[in-house]
C-alpha atoms as a PDB file:
ATOM      1  CA  MET A   1       0.147  -0.066  -0.054  1.00  0.00           C
ATOM      2  CA  SER A   2       1.050   3.791  -0.574  1.00  0.00           C
ATOM      3  CA  ASP A   3       2.513   6.106   1.943  1.00  0.00           C
ATOM      4  CA  SER A   4       0.043   8.546   0.976  1.00  0.00           C
ATOM      5  CA  ILE A   5      -2.743   6.198   1.657  1.00  0.00           C
ATOM      6  CA  VAL A   6      -1.388   5.588   4.834  1.00  0.00           C
ATOM      7  CA  SER A   7      -0.669   9.011   6.040  1.00  0.00           C
ATOM      8  CA  ILE A   8      -4.378  10.289   5.724  1.00  0.00           C
ATOM      9  CA  SER A   9      -5.319   7.495   8.420  1.00  0.00           C
ATOM     10  CA  ALA A  10      -1.989   8.615  10.446  1.00  0.00           C
ATOM     11  CA  ALA A  11      -3.219  12.304  10.466  1.00  0.00           C
ATOM     12  CA  VAL A  12      -6.426  12.219  11.782  1.00  0.00           C
ATOM     13  CA  PRO A  13      -7.087  16.334  13.557  1.00  0.00           C
ATOM     14  CA  GLY A  14      -9.233  16.846  15.991  1.00  0.00           C
ATOM     15  CA  THR A  15     -12.221  19.136  14.875  1.00  0.00           C
ATOM     16  CA  ASP A  16     -15.344  17.358  13.341  1.00  0.00           C
ATOM     17  CA  ALA A  17     -14.862  19.200  10.009  1.00  0.00           C
ATOM     18  CA  GLU A  18     -11.410  18.045   9.878  1.00  0.00           C
ATOM     19  CA  ARG A  19     -12.027  14.506  10.349  1.00  0.00           C
ATOM     20  CA  LEU A  20     -12.168  11.857   7.745  1.00  0.00           C
ATOM     21  CA  THR A  21     -15.895  11.342   6.187  1.00  0.00           C
ATOM     22  CA  LEU A  22     -17.103   7.713   5.357  1.00  0.00           C
ATOM     23  CA  GLU A  23     -17.595   8.671   1.962  1.00  0.00           C
ATOM     24  CA  GLN A  24     -13.779   9.411   2.073  1.00  0.00           C
ATOM     25  CA  VAL A  25     -12.852   6.388   3.784  1.00  0.00           C
ATOM     26  CA  ARG A  26     -14.756   4.458   1.476  1.00  0.00           C
ATOM     27  CA  ARG A  27     -13.432   6.148  -1.624  1.00  0.00           C
ATOM     28  CA  ALA A  28      -9.975   5.387  -0.052  1.00  0.00           C
ATOM     29  CA  ALA A  29     -10.760   2.209   0.523  1.00  0.00           C
ATOM     30  CA  ASP A  30     -11.726   1.503  -3.485  1.00  0.00           C
ATOM     31  CA  VAL A  31      -8.861   2.937  -4.981  1.00  0.00           C
ATOM     32  CA  VAL A  32      -6.707   0.121  -2.538  1.00  0.00           C
ATOM     33  CA  ILE A  33      -8.756  -2.518  -3.858  1.00  0.00           C
ATOM     34  CA  ARG A  34      -9.259  -0.917  -7.574  1.00  0.00           C
ATOM     35  CA  CYS A  35      -5.287  -0.493  -7.726  1.00  0.00           C
ATOM     36  CA  ILE A  36      -4.100  -3.951  -6.308  1.00  0.00           C
ATOM     37  CA  SER A  37      -3.538  -5.426  -9.213  1.00  0.00           C
ATOM     38  CA  LEU A  38      -1.570  -2.201 -10.987  1.00  0.00           C
ATOM     39  CA  PRO A  39       1.882  -1.891 -11.415  1.00  0.00           C
ATOM     40  CA  LYS A  40       3.401   0.039  -8.704  1.00  0.00           C
ATOM     41  CA  ARG A  41       4.213   3.445 -10.947  1.00  0.00           C
ATOM     42  CA  LEU A  42       0.276   3.631 -11.980  1.00  0.00           C
ATOM     43  CA  ARG A  43      -1.223   2.096  -8.398  1.00  0.00           C
ATOM     44  CA  ASP A  44       0.864   5.069  -6.773  1.00  0.00           C
ATOM     45  CA  GLU A  45      -0.837   7.555  -9.065  1.00  0.00           C
ATOM     46  CA  GLN A  46      -4.118   6.353  -8.092  1.00  0.00           C
ATOM     47  CA  TYR A  47      -3.236   6.560  -4.447  1.00  0.00           C
ATOM     48  CA  GLU A  48      -1.995  10.149  -5.082  1.00  0.00           C
ATOM     49  CA  ALA A  49      -4.949  11.501  -7.170  1.00  0.00           C
ATOM     50  CA  GLU A  50      -7.161  10.173  -4.487  1.00  0.00           C
ATOM     51  CA  CYS A  51      -5.457  11.774  -1.513  1.00  0.00           C
ATOM     52  CA  ASP A  52      -5.844  14.794  -3.451  1.00  0.00           C
ATOM     53  CA  ARG A  53      -9.155  14.482  -3.873  1.00  0.00           C
ATOM     54  CA  ILE A  54      -9.457  13.865  -0.043  1.00  0.00           C
ATOM     55  CA  ASN A  55      -7.262  17.055   0.973  1.00  0.00           C
ATOM     56  CA  TYR A  56      -9.262  19.274  -0.823  1.00  0.00           C
ATOM     57  CA  HIS A  57     -12.476  17.983   0.568  1.00  0.00           C
ATOM     58  CA  GLN A  58     -10.810  18.320   4.176  1.00  0.00           C
ATOM     59  CA  ARG A  59      -9.880  21.940   3.556  1.00  0.00           C
ATOM     60  CA  ARG A  60     -13.291  22.715   2.044  1.00  0.00           C
ATOM     61  CA  ASN A  61     -15.258  20.877   5.007  1.00  0.00           C
ATOM     62  CA  ALA A  62     -12.966  23.120   7.283  1.00  0.00           C
ATOM     63  CA  GLU A  63     -13.106  26.132   5.230  1.00  0.00           C
ATOM     64  CA  ALA A  64     -16.890  25.961   5.476  1.00  0.00           C
ATOM     65  CA  SER A  65     -17.094  24.646   9.170  1.00  0.00           C
ATOM     66  CA  ARG A  66     -15.496  28.284  10.252  1.00  0.00           C
ATOM     67  CA  SER A  67     -17.548  30.207   8.203  1.00  0.00           C
ATOM     68  CA  HIS A  68     -20.502  28.522   9.625  1.00  0.00           C
ATOM     69  CA  ARG A  69     -19.443  28.682  13.376  1.00  0.00           C
ATOM     70  CA  LYS A  70     -18.148  32.381  12.541  1.00  0.00           C
ATOM     71  CA  LYS A  71     -21.932  33.294  10.700  1.00  0.00           C
ATOM     72  CA  ARG A  72     -23.532  31.530  14.144  1.00  0.00           C
ATOM     73  CA  ILE A  73     -21.517  33.383  16.420  1.00  0.00           C
ATOM     74  CA  ALA A  74     -22.420  36.740  14.736  1.00  0.00           C
ATOM     75  CA  GLN A  75     -25.891  35.506  15.313  1.00  0.00           C
ATOM     76  CA  TYR A  76     -25.796  35.008  18.754  1.00  0.00           C
ATOM     77  CA  HIS A  77     -24.200  38.337  19.365  1.00  0.00           C
ATOM     78  CA  ALA A  78     -26.852  39.986  17.286  1.00  0.00           C
ATOM     79  CA  LEU A  79     -29.248  38.527  19.534  1.00  0.00           C
ATOM     80  CA  GLY A  80     -27.433  39.778  22.639  1.00  0.00           C
ATOM     81  CA  ILE A  81     -26.085  36.283  23.536  1.00  0.00           C
ATOM     82  CA  ASP A  82     -22.562  35.910  24.711  1.00  0.00           C
ATOM     83  CA  PRO A  83     -21.743  32.486  23.124  1.00  0.00           C
ATOM     84  CA  GLU A  84     -18.683  31.855  25.515  1.00  0.00           C
ATOM     85  CA  THR A  85     -21.191  31.689  28.269  1.00  0.00           C
ATOM     86  CA  ILE A  86     -23.337  28.944  27.162  1.00  0.00           C
ATOM     87  CA  LYS A  87     -23.173  26.155  28.817  1.00  0.00           C
ATOM     88  CA  ASN A  88     -22.765  22.617  27.136  1.00  0.00           C
ATOM     89  CA  VAL A  89     -25.325  19.827  27.925  1.00  0.00           C
ATOM     90  CA  GLU A  90     -23.801  16.128  28.658  1.00  0.00           C
ATOM     91  CA  PRO A  91     -25.305  13.766  26.843  1.00  0.00           C
ATOM     92  CA  LYS A  92     -27.691  11.394  28.208  1.00  0.00           C
ATOM     93  CA  SER A  93     -25.908   8.013  29.555  1.00  0.00           C
ATOM     94  CA  PRO A  94     -27.983   4.828  28.838  1.00  0.00           C
END
């Protein structure tokens, strides 16, 4: 397997917008399975192309998340609500 595919899974950042989506994992697995029988050069090209696609979408997802967060915070401030004072609600345990 290519080092670039492995590096995607090894570098899982912390925020939800930066984590791999199920679709991105599926696409990466699909490329690995599709390329098993290809010569190394072609296989590496396919891996690299998929890594570029995943990185593009990761970047766009992170940008969208930051934009939405900024917009929500501005909306809270417009309503006179300080987002820093809103308490988090712990999920109920089963």
